[in-house]
């Protein structure tokens, strides 16, 4: 299957997306990722495994800790862009609701 599709499918999962948002801040160990995501260790480990298998992230063992980092350049900018699109969409919906309420009250 096309790698673009695999990447988009991987980041469409809410937990995997949250893991990536955490890693946008830099290298993190599993404990830091679990704390950021507020999920159990098993779920986070599965998400990390999927992201690692398609090479969106990589890991590095330091002592008895494993650190993860994003391997796709500009993924952080892409995620920020998605946040901006979501915010603009929410603002647009708020404007439409305000207009509807204004019409009702007139």
Protein backbone atom coordinates (compact mmCIF):
# COMPACT_ATOMS: atom_id res chain seq x y z
CA UNK A 1 0.00 0.00 0.00
CA UNK A 2 1.11 3.53 -0.63
CA UNK A 3 3.23 4.89 2.25
CA UNK A 4 1.30 8.18 2.21
CA UNK A 5 -1.91 6.32 2.94
CA UNK A 6 -0.23 4.30 5.70
CA UNK A 7 1.06 7.47 7.34
CA UNK A 8 -2.31 9.23 7.14
CA UNK A 9 -4.07 6.16 8.52
CA UNK A 10 -1.59 5.97 11.38
CA UNK A 11 -1.99 9.59 12.42
CA UNK A 12 -5.78 9.47 12.11
CA UNK A 13 -6.01 7.47 15.33
CA UNK A 14 -6.63 9.80 18.32
CA UNK A 15 -4.07 8.17 20.63
CA UNK A 16 -1.36 7.96 17.98
CA UNK A 17 -2.01 11.60 17.10
CA UNK A 18 -1.65 12.53 20.76
CA UNK A 19 1.63 10.58 20.96
CA UNK A 20 2.92 12.54 17.97
CA UNK A 21 1.84 15.82 19.52
CA UNK A 22 3.84 14.85 22.60
CA UNK A 23 6.89 14.00 20.51
CA UNK A 24 6.66 17.32 18.64
CA UNK A 25 8.11 18.80 21.84
CA UNK A 26 11.22 16.61 21.45
CA UNK A 27 12.51 13.18 22.50
CA UNK A 28 10.46 11.55 25.23
CA UNK A 29 10.64 8.30 27.14
CA UNK A 30 7.67 5.99 27.53
CA UNK A 31 6.76 7.32 30.98
CA UNK A 32 6.64 10.90 29.70
CA UNK A 33 4.46 9.86 26.76
CA UNK A 34 2.09 7.92 29.02
CA UNK A 35 1.77 10.92 31.33
CA UNK A 36 1.14 13.31 28.42
CA UNK A 37 -1.46 11.04 26.82
CA UNK A 38 -3.16 10.05 30.09
CA UNK A 39 -3.51 6.48 28.78
CA UNK A 40 -2.43 3.11 30.07
CA UNK A 41 0.98 1.69 29.25
CA UNK A 42 -0.38 -1.07 27.04
CA UNK A 43 -2.30 1.31 24.76
CA UNK A 44 0.63 3.71 24.46
CA UNK A 45 3.05 0.87 23.71
CA UNK A 46 0.78 -0.39 20.95
CA UNK A 47 0.52 3.12 19.47
CA UNK A 48 4.30 3.53 19.61
CA UNK A 49 4.79 0.18 17.92
CA UNK A 50 2.50 1.07 15.03
CA UNK A 51 4.15 4.47 14.54
CA UNK A 52 7.58 2.88 14.70
CA UNK A 53 6.71 0.09 12.24
CA UNK A 54 5.88 2.60 9.51
CA UNK A 55 8.90 4.72 10.48
CA UNK A 56 7.04 7.83 11.59
CA UNK A 57 9.03 7.60 14.82
CA UNK A 58 12.20 5.90 15.93
CA UNK A 59 13.49 4.76 19.28
CA UNK A 60 16.83 4.87 21.03
CA UNK A 61 17.74 2.89 24.10
CA UNK A 62 19.73 4.83 26.70
CA UNK A 63 20.56 2.68 29.71
CA UNK A 64 17.32 0.98 30.63
CA UNK A 65 15.11 3.68 29.11
CA UNK A 66 13.79 3.94 25.58
CA UNK A 67 13.39 7.38 24.03
CA UNK A 68 11.20 8.08 21.02
CA UNK A 69 11.44 10.85 18.45
CA UNK A 70 9.68 11.86 15.25
CA UNK A 71 11.50 10.88 12.07
CA UNK A 72 9.36 12.67 9.47
CA UNK A 73 10.62 16.17 8.83
CA UNK A 74 7.98 18.88 9.08
CA UNK A 75 5.41 16.61 10.78
CA UNK A 76 5.27 19.08 13.67
CA UNK A 77 4.43 21.90 11.23
CA UNK A 78 1.77 19.72 9.61
CA UNK A 79 0.14 19.04 13.00
CA UNK A 80 0.23 22.75 13.87
CA UNK A 81 -1.45 23.50 10.53
CA UNK A 82 -4.17 20.97 11.33
CA UNK A 83 -4.74 22.69 14.68
CA UNK A 84 -5.10 26.03 12.89
CA UNK A 85 -7.61 24.58 10.42
CA UNK A 86 -9.60 23.08 13.30
CA UNK A 87 -9.60 26.42 15.16
CA UNK A 88 -10.73 28.31 12.06
CA UNK A 89 -13.52 25.80 11.53
CA UNK A 90 -14.64 26.15 15.14
CA UNK A 91 -14.60 29.95 14.86
CA UNK A 92 -16.67 29.75 11.68
CA UNK A 93 -19.24 27.52 13.41
CA UNK A 94 -19.43 29.96 16.35
CA UNK A 95 -20.06 32.84 13.94
CA UNK A 96 -22.85 30.89 12.23
CA UNK A 97 -24.46 30.12 15.59
CA UNK A 98 -24.25 33.77 16.66
CA UNK A 99 -25.91 34.82 13.40
CA UNK A 100 -28.68 32.25 13.90
CA UNK A 101 -29.31 33.41 17.47
CA UNK A 102 -29.29 37.03 16.33
CA UNK A 103 -31.94 36.26 13.68
CA UNK A 104 -34.09 34.42 16.22
CA UNK A 105 -33.88 37.32 18.68
CA UNK A 106 -34.76 39.92 16.03
